[in-house]
Amino acid sequence: MKFTLMKTDGAARRGEIETPRGTIRTPAFMPVGTAATVKAMYPDQVRDLGADIVLGNTYHLMLRPGAEEVAALGGLQEFMQWDGPILTDSGGFQVMSLSKLAKMSEEGVRFQSHLDGSEHMLTPERSIEIQTLLGANIRMVLDECTPFPATHEQAETSMQLSMRWAERSKKAFADYDAGAGDALFGIVQGGVYDDLRHQSAEALQQIGFDGYAVGGLAVGEGHEAMLDVLDFTTPVLPQDKPRYLMGVGTPEDLVEAVARGVDMFDCVMPTRAGRHGTAYTWRGKVNIRNARHADDPRPLDTGTA
């Protein structure tokens, strides 16, 4: 993978990420294809709307249909008929949020499937193995998403565990038969504490990754706190590597994050909002299911009609 920084405007950046499956223009929003499909859309529709890359979810795909099954069918690109790059998350966030019986240890996370109650163990090594089987072009280290609220001590303990897992993930990435040009991103943790975020960013750079994500946000800390974390995190990340803000995707958040030097985003919000009748316009959000819109002949957004 190669990242080229083409232009800057203050902290905002425009660039390109070259992958074996194509070029990603940044800033880039990644539509989420949780179970190998962007809900309510065909792959060509996703491409026609300007997406260069989509995201697949390791947790859901490892449980159904299974990483080995996807690999046998040619990997995610063939499985979902998407010809561009794919990023997969590590599965850790969903393990902790969807499994009520998840038990975390130094080894990894033991959990029960939300589908059938079967027991699984997700370690940094297994997460990388699954992402390799899926055929992801960009893979993520396994981390613990620090819950909010968390004390400084709790956030530090969580962050340090994530850094140890990041080192194991990097070794696993080197050990598995990763495709030429494929990439591994580290994830900065540390809650809302600037000293912990700086320690995490420094530790990840010592390990060395192809890109750096900011994780553990949009978990209840609030809009201003999220921006504060970006203000003291993005400046300490490498200029020559892509920066990815995980799980954030409202129009306002995208603009604010781009202004702070973020290059990549993902969120389920756009397709979820669309499926439930919400449109984003220059005049704000519109719920098209409201009765007053039933006989309104005007376009949703007169400024773009």
C-alpha atoms as a PDB file:
ATOM      1  CA  MET A   1       0.000   0.000   0.000  1.00  0.00           C
ATOM      2  CA  LYS A   2       1.210   3.490  -0.835  1.00  0.00           C
ATOM      3  CA  PHE A   3      -0.169   6.779   0.496  1.00  0.00           C
ATOM      4  CA  THR A   4       0.502   9.977  -1.424  1.00  0.00           C
ATOM      5  CA  LEU A   5      -0.276  13.319   0.202  1.00  0.00           C
ATOM      6  CA  MET A   6      -1.271  15.567  -2.685  1.00  0.00           C
ATOM      7  CA  LYS A   7      -2.473  18.810  -1.114  1.00  0.00           C
ATOM      8  CA  THR A   8      -3.059  20.393   2.286  1.00  0.00           C
ATOM      9  CA  ASP A   9      -5.221  23.261   3.511  1.00  0.00           C
ATOM     10  CA  GLY A  10      -4.369  23.939   7.120  1.00  0.00           C
ATOM     11  CA  ALA A  11      -4.588  20.522   8.756  1.00  0.00           C
ATOM     12  CA  ALA A  12      -6.982  19.206   6.070  1.00  0.00           C
ATOM     13  CA  ARG A  13      -5.441  16.842   3.551  1.00  0.00           C
ATOM     14  CA  ARG A  14      -6.174  15.422   0.125  1.00  0.00           C
ATOM     15  CA  GLY A  15      -4.394  12.306  -0.985  1.00  0.00           C
ATOM     16  CA  GLU A  16      -4.511   8.884  -2.595  1.00  0.00           C
ATOM     17  CA  ILE A  17      -4.034   5.392  -1.193  1.00  0.00           C
ATOM     18  CA  GLU A  18      -2.867   2.886  -3.783  1.00  0.00           C
ATOM     19  CA  THR A  19      -3.843  -0.729  -3.112  1.00  0.00           C
ATOM     20  CA  PRO A  20      -3.671  -3.909  -5.217  1.00  0.00           C
ATOM     21  CA  ARG A  21      -7.419  -3.517  -5.814  1.00  0.00           C
ATOM     22  CA  GLY A  22      -7.444   0.129  -6.835  1.00  0.00           C
ATOM     23  CA  THR A  23      -6.908   3.682  -5.662  1.00  0.00           C
ATOM     24  CA  ILE A  24      -8.726   5.265  -2.718  1.00  0.00           C
ATOM     25  CA  ARG A  25      -9.163   9.024  -2.970  1.00  0.00           C
ATOM     26  CA  THR A  26      -8.974  10.731   0.409  1.00  0.00           C
ATOM     27  CA  PRO A  27     -10.728  12.061   2.380  1.00  0.00           C
ATOM     28  CA  ALA A  28     -12.687   8.833   1.955  1.00  0.00           C
ATOM     29  CA  PHE A  29     -15.942   7.667   3.481  1.00  0.00           C
ATOM     30  CA  MET A  30     -16.248   3.880   3.601  1.00  0.00           C
ATOM     31  CA  PRO A  31     -19.794   2.488   3.356  1.00  0.00           C
ATOM     32  CA  VAL A  32     -20.238  -0.358   5.817  1.00  0.00           C
ATOM     33  CA  GLY A  33     -20.996  -3.792   4.386  1.00  0.00           C
ATOM     34  CA  THR A  34     -21.397  -5.534   7.738  1.00  0.00           C
ATOM     35  CA  ALA A  35     -22.186  -8.992   6.378  1.00  0.00           C
ATOM     36  CA  ALA A  36     -20.501  -8.554   2.984  1.00  0.00           C
ATOM     37  CA  THR A  37     -23.212  -6.282   1.623  1.00  0.00           C
ATOM     38  CA  VAL A  38     -23.967  -2.588   1.928  1.00  0.00           C
ATOM     39  CA  LYS A  39     -27.588  -2.834   2.993  1.00  0.00           C
ATOM     40  CA  ALA A  40     -30.233  -1.965   0.385  1.00  0.00           C
ATOM     41  CA  MET A  41     -27.606  -1.321  -2.310  1.00  0.00           C
ATOM     42  CA  TYR A  42     -25.949  -3.250  -5.117  1.00  0.00           C
ATOM     43  CA  PRO A  43     -22.150  -2.971  -5.421  1.00  0.00           C
ATOM     44  CA  ASP A  44     -22.387  -1.015  -8.675  1.00  0.00           C
ATOM     45  CA  GLN A  45     -24.692   1.501  -6.988  1.00  0.00           C
ATOM     46  CA  VAL A  46     -22.170   1.958  -4.190  1.00  0.00           C
ATOM     47  CA  ARG A  47     -19.444   2.556  -6.774  1.00  0.00           C
ATOM     48  CA  ASP A  48     -21.617   4.955  -8.800  1.00  0.00           C
ATOM     49  CA  LEU A  49     -22.128   7.087  -5.685  1.00  0.00           C
ATOM     50  CA  GLY A  50     -18.375   7.641  -5.493  1.00  0.00           C
ATOM     51  CA  ALA A  51     -17.188   5.054  -2.966  1.00  0.00           C
ATOM     52  CA  ASP A  52     -13.696   3.706  -3.628  1.00  0.00           C
ATOM     53  CA  ILE A  53     -13.636   1.258  -0.700  1.00  0.00           C
ATOM     54  CA  VAL A  54     -16.120  -0.581   1.512  1.00  0.00           C
ATOM     55  CA  LEU A  55     -15.804  -2.030   5.001  1.00  0.00           C
ATOM     56  CA  GLY A  56     -16.531  -5.600   6.066  1.00  0.00           C
ATOM     57  CA  ASN A  57     -17.072  -6.758   9.633  1.00  0.00           C
ATOM     58  CA  THR A  58     -14.868  -9.543  10.960  1.00  0.00           C
ATOM     59  CA  TYR A  59     -17.138 -10.485  13.860  1.00  0.00           C
ATOM     60  CA  HIS A  60     -20.254 -11.019  11.759  1.00  0.00           C
ATOM     61  CA  LEU A  61     -18.435 -12.747   8.899  1.00  0.00           C
ATOM     62  CA  MET A  62     -16.516 -15.132  11.174  1.00  0.00           C
ATOM     63  CA  LEU A  63     -19.821 -16.296  12.655  1.00  0.00           C
ATOM     64  CA  ARG A  64     -21.797 -16.434   9.412  1.00  0.00           C
ATOM     65  CA  PRO A  65     -20.965 -17.705   6.858  1.00  0.00           C
ATOM     66  CA  GLY A  66     -17.441 -18.184   8.283  1.00  0.00           C
ATOM     67  CA  ALA A  67     -14.040 -16.902   7.160  1.00  0.00           C
ATOM     68  CA  GLU A  68     -12.967 -20.249   5.739  1.00  0.00           C
ATOM     69  CA  GLU A  69     -16.161 -20.441   3.665  1.00  0.00           C
ATOM     70  CA  VAL A  70     -15.614 -16.944   2.264  1.00  0.00           C
ATOM     71  CA  ALA A  71     -12.006 -17.815   1.427  1.00  0.00           C
ATOM     72  CA  ALA A  72     -13.124 -20.970  -0.403  1.00  0.00           C
ATOM     73  CA  LEU A  73     -15.441 -18.829  -2.522  1.00  0.00           C
ATOM     74  CA  GLY A  74     -12.645 -16.495  -3.591  1.00  0.00           C
ATOM     75  CA  GLY A  75     -12.577 -13.939  -0.787  1.00  0.00           C
ATOM     76  CA  LEU A  76     -14.827 -10.993  -0.065  1.00  0.00           C
ATOM     77  CA  GLN A  77     -14.381  -9.290  -3.433  1.00  0.00           C
ATOM     78  CA  GLU A  78     -15.695 -12.339  -5.271  1.00  0.00           C
ATOM     79  CA  PHE A  79     -18.219 -13.185  -2.561  1.00  0.00           C
ATOM     80  CA  MET A  80     -19.877  -9.761  -2.646  1.00  0.00           C
ATOM     81  CA  GLN A  81     -19.033  -8.892  -6.262  1.00  0.00           C
ATOM     82  CA  TRP A  82     -17.118  -5.749  -5.318  1.00  0.00           C
ATOM     83  CA  ASP A  83     -14.057  -5.076  -7.459  1.00  0.00           C
ATOM     84  CA  GLY A  84     -12.454  -2.405  -5.276  1.00  0.00           C
ATOM     85  CA  PRO A  85     -10.460  -2.335  -2.050  1.00  0.00           C
ATOM     86  CA  ILE A  86     -11.960  -3.675   1.186  1.00  0.00           C
ATOM     87  CA  LEU A  87     -11.077  -2.813   4.778  1.00  0.00           C
ATOM     88  CA  THR A  88     -12.052  -5.168   7.578  1.00  0.00           C
ATOM     89  CA  ASP A  89     -12.256  -4.242  11.239  1.00  0.00           C
ATOM     90  CA  SER A  90     -10.801  -6.562  13.866  1.00  0.00           C
ATOM     91  CA  GLY A  91     -14.106  -7.719  15.346  1.00  0.00           C
ATOM     92  CA  GLY A  92     -13.228  -6.567  18.845  1.00  0.00           C
ATOM     93  CA  PHE A  93     -15.813  -3.801  19.148  1.00  0.00           C
ATOM     94  CA  GLN A  94     -18.697  -6.084  18.181  1.00  0.00           C
ATOM     95  CA  VAL A  95     -17.473  -8.849  20.485  1.00  0.00           C
ATOM     96  CA  MET A  96     -17.689  -6.499  23.456  1.00  0.00           C
ATOM     97  CA  SER A  97     -20.901  -4.755  22.416  1.00  0.00           C
ATOM     98  CA  LEU A  98     -22.961  -7.712  21.155  1.00  0.00           C
ATOM     99  CA  SER A  99     -21.847 -10.549  23.403  1.00  0.00           C
ATOM    100  CA  LYS A 100     -23.173 -10.233  26.951  1.00  0.00           C
ATOM    101  CA  LEU A 101     -20.856 -12.977  28.165  1.00  0.00           C
ATOM    102  CA  ALA A 102     -17.549 -11.721  26.735  1.00  0.00           C
ATOM    103  CA  LYS A 103     -14.537 -12.373  28.967  1.00  0.00           C
ATOM    104  CA  MET A 104     -11.337 -10.476  28.254  1.00  0.00           C
ATOM    105  CA  SER A 105      -7.858 -11.680  29.165  1.00  0.00           C
ATOM    106  CA  GLU A 106      -4.285 -11.130  28.069  1.00  0.00           C
ATOM    107  CA  GLU A 107      -4.793 -13.877  25.484  1.00  0.00           C
ATOM    108  CA  GLY A 108      -7.848 -12.311  23.856  1.00  0.00           C
ATOM    109  CA  VAL A 109     -11.617 -12.289  24.210  1.00  0.00           C
ATOM    110  CA  ARG A 110     -13.735 -15.372  24.843  1.00  0.00           C
ATOM    111  CA  PHE A 111     -17.348 -14.834  23.897  1.00  0.00           C
ATOM    112  CA  GLN A 112     -20.619 -16.448  22.941  1.00  0.00           C
ATOM    113  CA  SER A 113     -22.159 -15.866  19.530  1.00  0.00           C
ATOM    114  CA  HIS A 114     -25.235 -13.649  19.543  1.00  0.00           C
ATOM    115  CA  LEU A 115     -26.626 -15.971  16.848  1.00  0.00           C
ATOM    116  CA  ASP A 116     -26.581 -19.395  18.495  1.00  0.00           C
ATOM    117  CA  GLY A 117     -24.686 -19.120  21.768  1.00  0.00           C
ATOM    118  CA  SER A 118     -21.655 -21.030  20.489  1.00  0.00           C
ATOM    119  CA  GLU A 119     -18.366 -20.194  22.222  1.00  0.00           C
ATOM    120  CA  HIS A 120     -15.449 -18.580  20.398  1.00  0.00           C
ATOM    121  CA  MET A 121     -12.029 -17.163  21.218  1.00  0.00           C
ATOM    122  CA  LEU A 122     -10.816 -14.079  19.377  1.00  0.00           C
ATOM    123  CA  THR A 123      -7.112 -13.373  19.794  1.00  0.00           C
ATOM    124  CA  PRO A 124      -4.950 -10.877  17.897  1.00  0.00           C
ATOM    125  CA  GLU A 125      -3.582 -13.774  15.858  1.00  0.00           C
ATOM    126  CA  ARG A 126      -7.005 -15.227  15.056  1.00  0.00           C
ATOM    127  CA  SER A 127      -8.362 -11.812  14.089  1.00  0.00           C
ATOM    128  CA  ILE A 128      -5.540 -11.313  11.586  1.00  0.00           C
ATOM    129  CA  GLU A 129      -5.997 -14.866  10.293  1.00  0.00           C
ATOM    130  CA  ILE A 130      -9.709 -14.232   9.709  1.00  0.00           C
ATOM    131  CA  GLN A 131      -9.061 -10.933   7.943  1.00  0.00           C
ATOM    132  CA  THR A 132      -6.446 -12.639   5.766  1.00  0.00           C
ATOM    133  CA  LEU A 133      -8.900 -15.406   4.849  1.00  0.00           C
ATOM    134  CA  LEU A 134     -11.508 -12.785   3.984  1.00  0.00           C
ATOM    135  CA  GLY A 135      -9.011 -11.204   1.603  1.00  0.00           C
ATOM    136  CA  ALA A 136      -9.091  -7.700   3.073  1.00  0.00           C
ATOM    137  CA  ASN A 137      -6.676  -5.205   1.551  1.00  0.00           C
ATOM    138  CA  ILE A 138      -6.526  -3.167   4.760  1.00  0.00           C
ATOM    139  CA  ARG A 139      -6.668  -5.013   8.083  1.00  0.00           C
ATOM    140  CA  MET A 140      -6.986  -3.705  11.614  1.00  0.00           C
ATOM    141  CA  VAL A 141      -5.224  -4.786  14.792  1.00  0.00           C
ATOM    142  CA  LEU A 142      -7.332  -6.284  17.563  1.00  0.00           C
ATOM    143  CA  ASP A 143      -7.883  -3.721  20.308  1.00  0.00           C
ATOM    144  CA  GLU A 144     -10.096  -3.051  23.284  1.00  0.00           C
ATOM    145  CA  CYS A 145     -12.440  -0.146  22.688  1.00  0.00           C
ATOM    146  CA  THR A 146     -12.094   1.707  25.994  1.00  0.00           C
ATOM    147  CA  PRO A 147     -15.584   2.181  27.425  1.00  0.00           C
ATOM    148  CA  PHE A 148     -16.934   5.581  28.388  1.00  0.00           C
ATOM    149  CA  PRO A 149     -16.834   6.789  31.048  1.00  0.00           C
ATOM    150  CA  ALA A 150     -13.515   5.401  32.258  1.00  0.00           C
ATOM    151  CA  THR A 151     -11.111   6.672  34.888  1.00  0.00           C
ATOM    152  CA  HIS A 152      -7.560   7.521  33.879  1.00  0.00           C
ATOM    153  CA  GLU A 153      -6.367   4.288  35.478  1.00  0.00           C
ATOM    154  CA  GLN A 154      -8.970   2.195  33.658  1.00  0.00           C
ATOM    155  CA  ALA A 155      -8.205   3.876  30.329  1.00  0.00           C
ATOM    156  CA  GLU A 156      -4.468   3.364  30.833  1.00  0.00           C
ATOM    157  CA  THR A 157      -4.865  -0.345  31.607  1.00  0.00           C
ATOM    158  CA  SER A 158      -7.093  -0.788  28.556  1.00  0.00           C
ATOM    159  CA  MET A 159      -4.735   1.159  26.293  1.00  0.00           C
ATOM    160  CA  GLN A 160      -1.684  -0.808  27.392  1.00  0.00           C
ATOM    161  CA  LEU A 161      -3.478  -4.090  26.671  1.00  0.00           C
ATOM    162  CA  SER A 162      -4.364  -2.796  23.202  1.00  0.00           C
ATOM    163  CA  MET A 163      -0.706  -1.901  22.583  1.00  0.00           C
ATOM    164  CA  ARG A 164       0.409  -5.428  23.500  1.00  0.00           C
ATOM    165  CA  TRP A 165      -2.264  -6.817  21.207  1.00  0.00           C
ATOM    166  CA  ALA A 166      -1.115  -4.438  18.452  1.00  0.00           C
ATOM    167  CA  GLU A 167       2.397  -5.889  18.639  1.00  0.00           C
ATOM    168  CA  ARG A 168       1.018  -9.421  18.395  1.00  0.00           C
ATOM    169  CA  SER A 169      -1.208  -8.387  15.486  1.00  0.00           C
ATOM    170  CA  LYS A 170       1.801  -6.994  13.622  1.00  0.00           C
ATOM    171  CA  LYS A 171       3.709 -10.242  14.076  1.00  0.00           C
ATOM    172  CA  ALA A 172       0.696 -12.283  12.935  1.00  0.00           C
ATOM    173  CA  PHE A 173       0.323 -10.074   9.867  1.00  0.00           C
ATOM    174  CA  ALA A 174       3.936 -10.830   8.954  1.00  0.00           C
ATOM    175  CA  ASP A 175       3.508 -14.551   9.624  1.00  0.00           C
ATOM    176  CA  TYR A 176       0.347 -15.065   7.582  1.00  0.00           C
ATOM    177  CA  ASP A 177       0.405 -15.088   3.800  1.00  0.00           C
ATOM    178  CA  ALA A 178      -0.745 -11.495   3.350  1.00  0.00           C
ATOM    179  CA  GLY A 179      -1.153 -10.361  -0.229  1.00  0.00           C
ATOM    180  CA  ALA A 180       1.541  -8.131  -1.707  1.00  0.00           C
ATOM    181  CA  GLY A 181       0.653  -4.513  -1.078  1.00  0.00           C
ATOM    182  CA  ASP A 182      -1.917  -5.258   1.624  1.00  0.00           C
ATOM    183  CA  ALA A 183      -1.794  -3.139   4.766  1.00  0.00           C
ATOM    184  CA  LEU A 184      -2.215  -3.269   8.538  1.00  0.00           C
ATOM    185  CA  PHE A 185      -3.408  -0.276  10.569  1.00  0.00           C
ATOM    186  CA  GLY A 186      -2.748   0.362  14.247  1.00  0.00           C
ATOM    187  CA  ILE A 187      -5.447   1.869  16.482  1.00  0.00           C
ATOM    188  CA  VAL A 188      -4.804   4.696  18.941  1.00  0.00           C
ATOM    189  CA  GLN A 189      -6.641   4.278  22.244  1.00  0.00           C
ATOM    190  CA  GLY A 190      -6.561   6.102  25.574  1.00  0.00           C
ATOM    191  CA  GLY A 191     -10.070   7.372  26.190  1.00  0.00           C
ATOM    192  CA  VAL A 192     -10.409  11.149  26.506  1.00  0.00           C
ATOM    193  CA  TYR A 193      -6.971  11.580  28.113  1.00  0.00           C
ATOM    194  CA  ASP A 194      -4.380  13.417  26.049  1.00  0.00           C
ATOM    195  CA  ASP A 195      -1.343  11.861  27.767  1.00  0.00           C
ATOM    196  CA  LEU A 196      -2.667   8.346  27.124  1.00  0.00           C
ATOM    197  CA  ARG A 197      -3.476   9.130  23.498  1.00  0.00           C
ATOM    198  CA  HIS A 198       0.070  10.421  23.030  1.00  0.00           C
ATOM    199  CA  GLN A 199       1.549   7.324  24.679  1.00  0.00           C
ATOM    200  CA  SER A 200      -0.577   5.089  22.461  1.00  0.00           C
ATOM    201  CA  ALA A 201       0.360   6.943  19.269  1.00  0.00           C
ATOM    202  CA  GLU A 202       4.050   6.747  20.173  1.00  0.00           C
ATOM    203  CA  ALA A 203       3.866   3.034  21.005  1.00  0.00           C
ATOM    204  CA  LEU A 204       2.157   2.244  17.709  1.00  0.00           C
ATOM    205  CA  GLN A 205       4.750   4.190  15.734  1.00  0.00           C
ATOM    206  CA  GLN A 206       7.495   2.242  17.484  1.00  0.00           C
ATOM    207  CA  ILE A 207       5.840  -0.975  16.250  1.00  0.00           C
ATOM    208  CA  GLY A 208       5.291   0.503  12.788  1.00  0.00           C
ATOM    209  CA  PHE A 209       2.071   0.351  10.765  1.00  0.00           C
ATOM    210  CA  ASP A 210       0.873   1.266   7.284  1.00  0.00           C
ATOM    211  CA  GLY A 211      -1.780   3.608   8.682  1.00  0.00           C
ATOM    212  CA  TYR A 212      -3.133   4.789  12.008  1.00  0.00           C
ATOM    213  CA  ALA A 213      -6.708   4.800  13.245  1.00  0.00           C
ATOM    214  CA  VAL A 214      -8.229   6.775  16.096  1.00  0.00           C
ATOM    215  CA  GLY A 215     -10.502   4.404  17.998  1.00  0.00           C
ATOM    216  CA  GLY A 216     -12.609   4.560  21.113  1.00  0.00           C
ATOM    217  CA  LEU A 217     -14.678   7.569  20.028  1.00  0.00           C
ATOM    218  CA  ALA A 218     -18.396   8.026  19.335  1.00  0.00           C
ATOM    219  CA  VAL A 219     -19.049   5.845  22.388  1.00  0.00           C
ATOM    220  CA  GLY A 220     -20.851   8.446  24.492  1.00  0.00           C
ATOM    221  CA  GLU A 221     -18.170  11.044  25.146  1.00  0.00           C
ATOM    222  CA  GLY A 222     -20.034  13.754  23.236  1.00  0.00           C
ATOM    223  CA  HIS A 223     -19.249  15.830  20.157  1.00  0.00           C
ATOM    224  CA  GLU A 224     -16.939  18.390  21.777  1.00  0.00           C
ATOM    225  CA  ALA A 225     -14.945  15.756  23.649  1.00  0.00           C
ATOM    226  CA  MET A 226     -14.480  13.818  20.407  1.00  0.00           C
ATOM    227  CA  LEU A 227     -13.124  16.924  18.679  1.00  0.00           C
ATOM    228  CA  ASP A 228     -10.818  17.593  21.619  1.00  0.00           C
ATOM    229  CA  VAL A 229      -9.365  14.091  21.289  1.00  0.00           C
ATOM    230  CA  LEU A 230      -8.757  14.667  17.581  1.00  0.00           C
ATOM    231  CA  ASP A 231      -7.143  18.028  18.343  1.00  0.00           C
ATOM    232  CA  PHE A 232      -4.473  16.421  20.495  1.00  0.00           C
ATOM    233  CA  THR A 233      -4.171  13.104  18.631  1.00  0.00           C
ATOM    234  CA  THR A 234      -3.886  13.775  14.885  1.00  0.00           C
ATOM    235  CA  PRO A 235      -0.903  16.167  15.250  1.00  0.00           C
ATOM    236  CA  VAL A 236       1.202  13.362  16.756  1.00  0.00           C
ATOM    237  CA  LEU A 237       0.420  10.878  13.962  1.00  0.00           C
ATOM    238  CA  PRO A 238       2.776  10.523  10.968  1.00  0.00           C
ATOM    239  CA  GLN A 239       2.164  12.954   8.121  1.00  0.00           C
ATOM    240  CA  ASP A 240       3.007  10.332   5.510  1.00  0.00           C
ATOM    241  CA  LYS A 241       0.481   7.713   6.658  1.00  0.00           C
ATOM    242  CA  PRO A 242      -3.322   7.678   6.301  1.00  0.00           C
ATOM    243  CA  ARG A 243      -5.407   8.503   9.385  1.00  0.00           C
ATOM    244  CA  TYR A 244      -8.709   6.767  10.010  1.00  0.00           C
ATOM    245  CA  LEU A 245     -11.428   7.890  12.446  1.00  0.00           C
ATOM    246  CA  MET A 246     -13.416   4.777  13.277  1.00  0.00           C
ATOM    247  CA  GLY A 247     -17.209   4.657  13.500  1.00  0.00           C
ATOM    248  CA  VAL A 248     -17.881   8.344  12.836  1.00  0.00           C
ATOM    249  CA  GLY A 249     -20.016   9.513   9.928  1.00  0.00           C
ATOM    250  CA  THR A 250     -22.482  12.379  10.436  1.00  0.00           C
ATOM    251  CA  PRO A 251     -21.978  15.161   7.880  1.00  0.00           C
ATOM    252  CA  GLU A 252     -20.981  17.605  10.619  1.00  0.00           C
ATOM    253  CA  ASP A 253     -18.483  15.184  12.147  1.00  0.00           C
ATOM    254  CA  LEU A 254     -16.898  14.453   8.772  1.00  0.00           C
ATOM    255  CA  VAL A 255     -16.283  18.138   8.065  1.00  0.00           C
ATOM    256  CA  GLU A 256     -14.866  18.758  11.539  1.00  0.00           C
ATOM    257  CA  ALA A 257     -12.602  15.701  11.360  1.00  0.00           C
ATOM    258  CA  VAL A 258     -11.301  16.486   7.865  1.00  0.00           C
ATOM    259  CA  ALA A 259     -10.393  19.958   9.125  1.00  0.00           C
ATOM    260  CA  ARG A 260      -8.315  18.227  11.809  1.00  0.00           C
ATOM    261  CA  GLY A 261      -6.373  16.062   9.372  1.00  0.00           C
ATOM    262  CA  VAL A 262      -8.380  12.823   9.198  1.00  0.00           C
ATOM    263  CA  ASP A 263      -8.366  10.901   5.895  1.00  0.00           C
ATOM    264  CA  MET A 264     -10.774   7.963   6.320  1.00  0.00           C
ATOM    265  CA  PHE A 265     -14.147   7.331   7.948  1.00  0.00           C
ATOM    266  CA  ASP A 266     -16.785   4.633   8.284  1.00  0.00           C
ATOM    267  CA  CYS A 267     -20.276   4.575   9.735  1.00  0.00           C
ATOM    268  CA  VAL A 268     -23.524   2.634   9.335  1.00  0.00           C
ATOM    269  CA  MET A 269     -25.493   5.865   9.695  1.00  0.00           C
ATOM    270  CA  PRO A 270     -26.021   6.798   5.997  1.00  0.00           C
ATOM    271  CA  THR A 271     -27.583   3.502   4.907  1.00  0.00           C
ATOM    272  CA  ARG A 272     -29.449   3.097   8.201  1.00  0.00           C
ATOM    273  CA  ALA A 273     -30.896   6.600   7.929  1.00  0.00           C
ATOM    274  CA  GLY A 274     -31.889   6.015   4.316  1.00  0.00           C
ATOM    275  CA  ARG A 275     -33.635   2.749   5.105  1.00  0.00           C
ATOM    276  CA  HIS A 276     -35.664   4.533   7.762  1.00  0.00           C
ATOM    277  CA  GLY A 277     -36.675   7.461   5.581  1.00  0.00           C
ATOM    278  CA  THR A 278     -34.210  10.138   6.659  1.00  0.00           C
ATOM    279  CA  ALA A 279     -32.523  12.315   4.048  1.00  0.00           C
ATOM    280  CA  TYR A 280     -29.647  14.720   4.654  1.00  0.00           C
ATOM    281  CA  THR A 281     -30.035  18.003   2.772  1.00  0.00           C
ATOM    282  CA  TRP A 282     -28.420  21.435   2.835  1.00  0.00           C
ATOM    283  CA  ARG A 283     -31.393  22.512   4.966  1.00  0.00           C
ATOM    284  CA  GLY A 284     -30.816  19.751   7.490  1.00  0.00           C
ATOM    285  CA  LYS A 285     -32.362  16.329   8.058  1.00  0.00           C
ATOM    286  CA  VAL A 286     -35.706  15.533   6.447  1.00  0.00           C
ATOM    287  CA  ASN A 287     -37.959  12.652   7.509  1.00  0.00           C
ATOM    288  CA  ILE A 288     -39.675  11.818   4.241  1.00  0.00           C
ATOM    289  CA  ARG A 289     -42.253   9.684   6.048  1.00  0.00           C
ATOM    290  CA  ASN A 290     -43.836  12.741   7.632  1.00  0.00           C
ATOM    291  CA  ALA A 291     -47.387  13.210   6.347  1.00  0.00           C
ATOM    292  CA  ARG A 292     -46.708  16.774   5.176  1.00  0.00           C
ATOM    293  CA  HIS A 293     -44.353  15.459   2.493  1.00  0.00           C
ATOM    294  CA  ALA A 294     -46.937  13.122   0.906  1.00  0.00           C
ATOM    295  CA  ASP A 295     -48.265  15.699  -1.583  1.00  0.00           C
ATOM    296  CA  ASP A 296     -45.168  17.901  -1.859  1.00  0.00           C
ATOM    297  CA  PRO A 297     -43.966  17.901  -5.497  1.00  0.00           C
ATOM    298  CA  ARG A 298     -40.660  19.649  -4.782  1.00  0.00           C
ATOM    299  CA  PRO A 299     -37.318  17.802  -4.809  1.00  0.00           C
ATOM    300  CA  LEU A 300     -35.846  16.916  -1.443  1.00  0.00           C
ATOM    301  CA  ASP A 301     -33.032  19.402  -1.859  1.00  0.00           C
ATOM    302  CA  THR A 302     -33.767  22.279  -4.220  1.00  0.00           C
ATOM    303  CA  GLY A 303     -30.133  23.340  -4.187  1.00  0.00           C
ATOM    304  CA  THR A 304     -28.992  20.114  -5.861  1.00  0.00           C
ATOM    305  CA  ALA A 305     -31.985  19.241  -8.059  1.00  0.00           C
END
